């Protein structure tokens, strides 16, 4: 095996192991404007064996993103979009203020912290597969982290 192949193989394995730790299929966004990266994403309502996260209409799953701060943070705001093909649909959060979502601001650069948010999956949401982009932006406009989650909105099971 060539050295380049080995390096690519190890990088791929590392990405699979990092993004698969929580059981949720996710990736850090590759945008160069992002100053940091998520270390772990956990959505307990998503089964561990799924390639996409199933979001059940009428439920409120909790999303937890652990990250290491790369800059001092005095304030931050979460932004979420659903992407269907080329259509970017903003998703309003009940609490977009990151400092009221599990973070105690101000935060010092180098801190490892976990952001939490509850997301209501409205029963009127269409049952589709989509890509979710979730960012945490500081008060200066810098993107602290950005994650990309493949999800599918599904109807509730009739079995309770």
Protein backbone atom coordinates (compact mmCIF):
# COMPACT_ATOMS: atom_id res chain seq x y z
CA UNK A 1 0.00 0.00 0.00
CA UNK A 2 1.20 3.49 -0.79
CA UNK A 3 1.75 5.98 2.03
CA UNK A 4 -0.89 8.30 0.55
CA UNK A 5 -3.46 5.49 0.56
CA UNK A 6 -2.65 4.67 4.20
CA UNK A 7 -3.02 8.31 5.24
CA UNK A 8 -6.37 8.62 3.42
CA UNK A 9 -7.57 5.36 4.94
CA UNK A 10 -6.63 6.47 8.48
CA UNK A 11 -8.27 9.88 8.01
CA UNK A 12 -11.47 8.18 6.82
CA UNK A 13 -11.45 5.79 9.78
CA UNK A 14 -10.88 8.66 12.19
CA UNK A 15 -13.79 10.62 10.71
CA UNK A 16 -16.07 7.58 10.92
CA UNK A 17 -15.06 6.90 14.52
CA UNK A 18 -15.40 10.54 15.61
CA UNK A 19 -18.76 11.13 13.94
CA UNK A 20 -20.06 7.72 14.95
CA UNK A 21 -19.30 7.90 18.68
CA UNK A 22 -22.72 9.26 19.57
CA UNK A 23 -24.58 7.09 17.09
CA UNK A 24 -25.69 10.07 15.03
CA UNK A 25 -24.43 10.40 11.47
CA UNK A 26 -22.90 13.90 11.44
CA UNK A 27 -19.97 15.85 10.07
CA UNK A 28 -18.31 19.16 10.77
CA UNK A 29 -19.04 21.64 7.97
CA UNK A 30 -16.10 22.25 5.67
CA UNK A 31 -16.65 26.00 5.30
CA UNK A 32 -13.40 27.91 5.77
CA UNK A 33 -15.21 30.60 7.80
CA UNK A 34 -15.65 28.18 10.72
CA UNK A 35 -13.18 28.92 13.55
CA UNK A 36 -13.73 25.69 15.52
CA UNK A 37 -15.22 22.21 15.30
CA UNK A 38 -17.70 20.04 17.13
CA UNK A 39 -16.13 17.12 19.01
CA UNK A 40 -19.35 15.14 19.52
CA UNK A 41 -23.03 15.38 18.60
CA UNK A 42 -25.64 13.50 20.56
CA UNK A 43 -29.33 13.22 19.73
CA UNK A 44 -30.64 10.50 22.09
CA UNK A 45 -33.83 9.99 20.09
CA UNK A 46 -31.83 8.92 17.01
CA UNK A 47 -31.15 5.18 16.82
CA UNK A 48 -27.47 4.20 16.80
CA UNK A 49 -27.72 1.99 13.73
CA UNK A 50 -29.28 4.53 11.35
CA UNK A 51 -27.45 6.37 8.59
CA UNK A 52 -29.83 9.29 9.06
CA UNK A 53 -31.48 10.67 12.17
CA UNK A 54 -35.22 10.00 12.24
CA UNK A 55 -37.11 12.97 13.63
CA UNK A 56 -40.64 12.02 14.65
CA UNK A 57 -43.37 14.57 14.01
CA UNK A 58 -44.82 15.97 17.24
CA UNK A 59 -41.74 15.20 19.37
CA UNK A 60 -39.06 17.40 20.90
CA UNK A 61 -35.66 15.74 20.57
CA UNK A 62 -32.68 17.16 22.46
CA UNK A 63 -29.51 17.99 20.57
CA UNK A 64 -26.18 18.21 22.44
CA UNK A 65 -23.02 19.43 20.72
CA UNK A 66 -19.71 19.23 22.59
CA UNK A 67 -17.01 21.53 21.27
CA UNK A 68 -13.75 23.18 22.26
CA UNK A 69 -13.77 26.94 22.10
CA UNK A 70 -11.12 28.47 19.86
CA UNK A 71 -11.76 32.06 20.97
CA UNK A 72 -13.10 33.85 24.05
CA UNK A 73 -16.91 33.96 23.86
CA UNK A 74 -19.04 36.67 25.45
CA UNK A 75 -22.24 35.75 23.62
CA UNK A 76 -23.42 33.39 20.88
CA UNK A 77 -26.46 32.54 18.80
CA UNK A 78 -27.55 29.26 17.21
CA UNK A 79 -28.73 29.17 13.60
CA UNK A 80 -30.36 26.17 11.95
CA UNK A 81 -31.36 25.47 8.34
CA UNK A 82 -33.02 22.55 6.66
CA UNK A 83 -31.75 21.95 3.14
CA UNK A 84 -33.95 20.24 0.56
CA UNK A 85 -32.09 19.99 -2.73
CA UNK A 86 -31.00 23.63 -3.19
CA UNK A 87 -33.68 25.20 -0.99
CA UNK A 88 -32.37 26.53 2.38
CA UNK A 89 -35.20 26.83 4.92
CA UNK A 90 -34.37 28.64 8.20
CA UNK A 91 -35.56 26.78 11.28
CA UNK A 92 -36.61 29.02 14.17
CA UNK A 93 -35.36 27.87 17.55
CA UNK A 94 -37.34 28.51 20.73
CA UNK A 95 -34.08 29.57 22.42
CA UNK A 96 -31.42 30.72 19.91
CA UNK A 97 -29.22 32.29 22.65
CA UNK A 98 -26.37 29.82 23.14
CA UNK A 99 -25.58 31.31 26.56
CA UNK A 100 -29.02 30.13 27.70
CA UNK A 101 -28.60 26.69 26.12
CA UNK A 102 -26.21 24.89 28.44
CA UNK A 103 -23.34 27.36 28.09
CA UNK A 104 -22.29 29.73 30.85
CA UNK A 105 -20.94 32.84 29.15
CA UNK A 106 -18.36 34.28 29.05
CA UNK A 107 -16.26 31.30 27.97
CA UNK A 108 -12.48 31.27 27.71
CA UNK A 109 -10.69 30.02 24.61
CA UNK A 110 -9.66 26.39 25.02
CA UNK A 111 -12.69 25.40 27.13
CA UNK A 112 -14.53 22.18 26.26
CA UNK A 113 -18.26 22.73 26.71
CA UNK A 114 -21.61 21.27 25.62
CA UNK A 115 -24.38 23.25 23.95
CA UNK A 116 -27.94 21.86 24.40
CA UNK A 117 -31.12 22.60 22.50
CA UNK A 118 -34.59 21.09 22.33
CA UNK A 119 -36.07 21.08 18.85
CA UNK A 120 -39.81 20.74 18.26
CA UNK A 121 -40.60 18.65 15.18
CA UNK A 122 -43.93 20.15 14.19
CA UNK A 123 -46.56 17.63 13.00
CA UNK A 124 -47.06 19.85 9.94
CA UNK A 125 -43.44 19.40 8.79
CA UNK A 126 -43.36 17.40 5.56
CA UNK A 127 -42.09 13.84 5.85
CA UNK A 128 -38.89 14.18 3.83
CA UNK A 129 -35.19 13.40 3.99
CA UNK A 130 -33.10 16.53 4.42
CA UNK A 131 -29.74 17.88 5.46
CA UNK A 132 -29.68 20.00 8.62
CA UNK A 133 -26.99 22.65 9.05
CA UNK A 134 -26.56 23.90 12.62
CA UNK A 135 -24.18 26.71 13.52
CA UNK A 136 -23.19 28.50 16.69
CA UNK A 137 -22.09 32.06 15.93
CA UNK A 138 -20.34 34.35 18.43
CA UNK A 139 -21.27 37.99 19.06
CA UNK A 140 -18.59 39.11 16.57
CA UNK A 141 -20.10 37.00 13.76
CA UNK A 142 -17.50 34.22 13.81
CA UNK A 143 -18.86 30.69 13.33
CA UNK A 144 -17.72 28.73 16.40
CA UNK A 145 -18.84 25.38 14.99
CA UNK A 146 -21.05 24.10 12.22
CA UNK A 147 -22.47 20.59 11.93
CA UNK A 148 -24.18 18.80 9.11
CA UNK A 149 -26.74 16.08 10.01
CA UNK A 150 -28.72 13.94 7.58
CA UNK A 151 -32.25 13.56 8.92
CA UNK A 152 -35.61 12.22 7.91
CA UNK A 153 -38.89 13.57 9.26
CA UNK A 154 -41.20 10.62 9.93
CA UNK A 155 -44.72 10.16 11.20
CA UNK A 156 -45.27 8.89 14.74
CA UNK A 157 -45.60 5.16 15.18
CA UNK A 158 -49.12 3.99 15.88
CA UNK A 159 -47.68 1.51 18.39
CA UNK A 160 -47.40 3.01 21.86
